[in-house]
C-alpha atoms as a PDB file:
ATOM      1  CA  MET A   1      -7.740 -16.531  12.337  1.00  0.00           C
ATOM      2  CA  ASN A   2      -7.549 -16.943   8.611  1.00  0.00           C
ATOM      3  CA  GLN A   3      -9.282 -14.687   6.073  1.00  0.00           C
ATOM      4  CA  GLU A   4     -12.597 -16.629   5.827  1.00  0.00           C
ATOM      5  CA  GLN A   5     -12.754 -16.531   9.625  1.00  0.00           C
ATOM      6  CA  PHE A   6     -11.952 -12.637   9.774  1.00  0.00           C
ATOM      7  CA  THR A   7     -14.789 -11.845   7.167  1.00  0.00           C
ATOM      8  CA  ALA A   8     -17.205 -13.975   8.904  1.00  0.00           C
ATOM      9  CA  PHE A   9     -16.657 -12.360  12.230  1.00  0.00           C
ATOM     10  CA  TRP A  10     -16.268  -8.832  10.865  1.00  0.00           C
ATOM     11  CA  PRO A  11     -19.307  -7.394  12.326  1.00  0.00           C
ATOM     12  CA  GLN A  12     -18.183  -8.485  15.902  1.00  0.00           C
ATOM     13  CA  LEU A  13     -14.609  -7.317  15.345  1.00  0.00           C
ATOM     14  CA  LYS A  14     -15.024  -3.583  14.485  1.00  0.00           C
ATOM     15  CA  ALA A  15     -15.620  -2.184  17.908  1.00  0.00           C
ATOM     16  CA  PRO A  16     -13.095  -4.092  19.745  1.00  0.00           C
ATOM     17  CA  LEU A  17     -10.463  -3.424  16.690  1.00  0.00           C
ATOM     18  CA  GLN A  18     -11.136   0.420  17.113  1.00  0.00           C
ATOM     19  CA  ALA A  19     -10.808   0.287  21.019  1.00  0.00           C
ATOM     20  CA  LYS A  20      -7.497  -1.611  20.483  1.00  0.00           C
ATOM     21  CA  TRP A  21      -5.967   0.632  17.652  1.00  0.00           C
ATOM     22  CA  GLU A  22      -7.336   3.966  18.371  1.00  0.00           C
ATOM     23  CA  LYS A  23      -6.103   5.594  15.378  1.00  0.00           C
ATOM     24  CA  ILE A  24      -8.434   3.508  13.276  1.00  0.00           C
ATOM     25  CA  THR A  25     -11.277   5.641  11.818  1.00  0.00           C
ATOM     26  CA  ASP A  26     -14.738   4.791  10.534  1.00  0.00           C
ATOM     27  CA  ALA A  27     -13.356   5.467   7.074  1.00  0.00           C
ATOM     28  CA  ASP A  28     -10.631   2.820   7.836  1.00  0.00           C
ATOM     29  CA  LEU A  29     -13.249   0.271   8.824  1.00  0.00           C
ATOM     30  CA  ARG A  30     -15.098   0.855   5.666  1.00  0.00           C
ATOM     31  CA  GLU A  31     -11.982   0.238   3.727  1.00  0.00           C
ATOM     32  CA  ILE A  32     -10.966  -2.907   5.597  1.00  0.00           C
ATOM     33  CA  ASP A  33     -14.508  -4.379   5.158  1.00  0.00           C
ATOM     34  CA  GLY A  34     -13.504  -7.706   6.535  1.00  0.00           C
ATOM     35  CA  SER A  35     -10.169  -8.114   4.756  1.00  0.00           C
ATOM     36  CA  LEU A  36      -7.309  -9.148   7.058  1.00  0.00           C
ATOM     37  CA  ALA A  37      -4.807  -8.031   4.470  1.00  0.00           C
ATOM     38  CA  THR A  38      -6.281  -4.669   4.322  1.00  0.00           C
ATOM     39  CA  PHE A  39      -6.490  -4.554   8.147  1.00  0.00           C
ATOM     40  CA  THR A  40      -2.807  -4.978   8.118  1.00  0.00           C
ATOM     41  CA  ALA A  41      -2.082  -2.313   5.601  1.00  0.00           C
ATOM     42  CA  VAL A  42      -4.185   0.373   7.443  1.00  0.00           C
ATOM     43  CA  LEU A  43      -2.355  -0.612  10.439  1.00  0.00           C
ATOM     44  CA  ALA A  44       0.846   0.010   8.651  1.00  0.00           C
ATOM     45  CA  ARG A  45      -0.449   3.205   7.360  1.00  0.00           C
ATOM     46  CA  ARG A  46      -1.703   4.411  10.850  1.00  0.00           C
ATOM     47  CA  TYR A  47       1.089   3.171  12.988  1.00  0.00           C
ATOM     48  CA  GLY A  48       3.990   3.063  10.653  1.00  0.00           C
ATOM     49  CA  THR A  49       4.791  -0.675  11.186  1.00  0.00           C
ATOM     50  CA  THR A  50       2.675  -3.858   9.954  1.00  0.00           C
ATOM     51  CA  GLN A  51       2.466  -5.359  13.632  1.00  0.00           C
ATOM     52  CA  ASN A  52       1.604  -8.688  11.786  1.00  0.00           C
ATOM     53  CA  ASP A  53       2.274 -10.706  14.937  1.00  0.00           C
ATOM     54  CA  GLU A  54       0.142  -8.455  17.143  1.00  0.00           C
ATOM     55  CA  VAL A  55      -2.775  -8.350  14.611  1.00  0.00           C
ATOM     56  CA  HIS A  56      -2.724 -12.319  14.436  1.00  0.00           C
ATOM     57  CA  ILE A  57      -2.575 -12.970  18.165  1.00  0.00           C
ATOM     58  CA  TRP A  58      -5.414 -10.210  18.670  1.00  0.00           C
ATOM     59  CA  ALA A  59      -7.698 -11.636  16.009  1.00  0.00           C
ATOM     60  CA  ASN A  60      -7.018 -15.410  17.174  1.00  0.00           C
ATOM     61  CA  ARG A  61      -7.959 -14.245  20.744  1.00  0.00           C
ATOM     62  CA  ARG A  62     -11.293 -12.845  19.398  1.00  0.00           C
ATOM     63  CA  HIS A  63     -11.923 -15.916  17.219  1.00  0.00           C
ATOM     64  CA  ALA A  64     -11.068 -18.377  20.169  1.00  0.00           C
ATOM     65  CA  HIS A  65     -13.334 -16.600  22.376  1.00  0.00           C
ATOM     66  CA  TRP A  66     -16.233 -16.435  19.989  1.00  0.00           C
ATOM     67  CA  SER A  67     -15.939 -19.944  18.879  1.00  0.00           C
ATOM     68  CA  GLY A  68     -15.749 -21.314  22.313  1.00  0.00           C
ATOM     69  CA  ARG A  69     -12.317 -22.630  21.976  1.00  0.00           C
ATOM     70  CA  TYR A  70     -10.780 -19.907  24.325  1.00  0.00           C
ATOM     71  CA  THR A  71      -7.713 -21.154  26.007  1.00  0.00           C
ATOM     72  CA  ASN A  72      -5.157 -19.367  28.229  1.00  0.00           C
ATOM     73  CA  ALA A  73      -2.704 -19.180  25.366  1.00  0.00           C
ATOM     74  CA  TYR A  74      -5.140 -16.484  23.859  1.00  0.00           C
ATOM     75  CA  GLU A  75      -5.748 -14.536  27.025  1.00  0.00           C
ATOM     76  CA  ASP A  76      -5.439 -10.890  26.868  1.00  0.00           C
ATOM     77  CA  PRO A  77      -2.574  -9.555  28.809  1.00  0.00           C
ATOM     78  CA  LYS A  78      -3.429  -8.373  32.332  1.00  0.00           C
ATOM     79  CA  LYS A  79      -2.829  -4.511  32.822  1.00  0.00           C
ATOM     80  CA  VAL A  80      -0.535  -3.667  35.456  1.00  0.00           C
ATOM     81  CA  SER A  81      -1.682  -0.941  37.881  1.00  0.00           C
END
């Protein structure tokens, strides 16, 4: 997902983003406001690392699902019980 796509899907991304990264606050969401670079910076601030690969995989999964191009390559990992 590129910056343009991240901005376009920002309204749909906020809730799943907070579910995935629980340390992200409502104030962080207002700061991010659709900016992929700011999102990465906020994650670095909250979690101590940039997690760039994980961010891009997560965002690409969401975009693929919403755009109808969902493939197994972007499937969420299954939780082990």
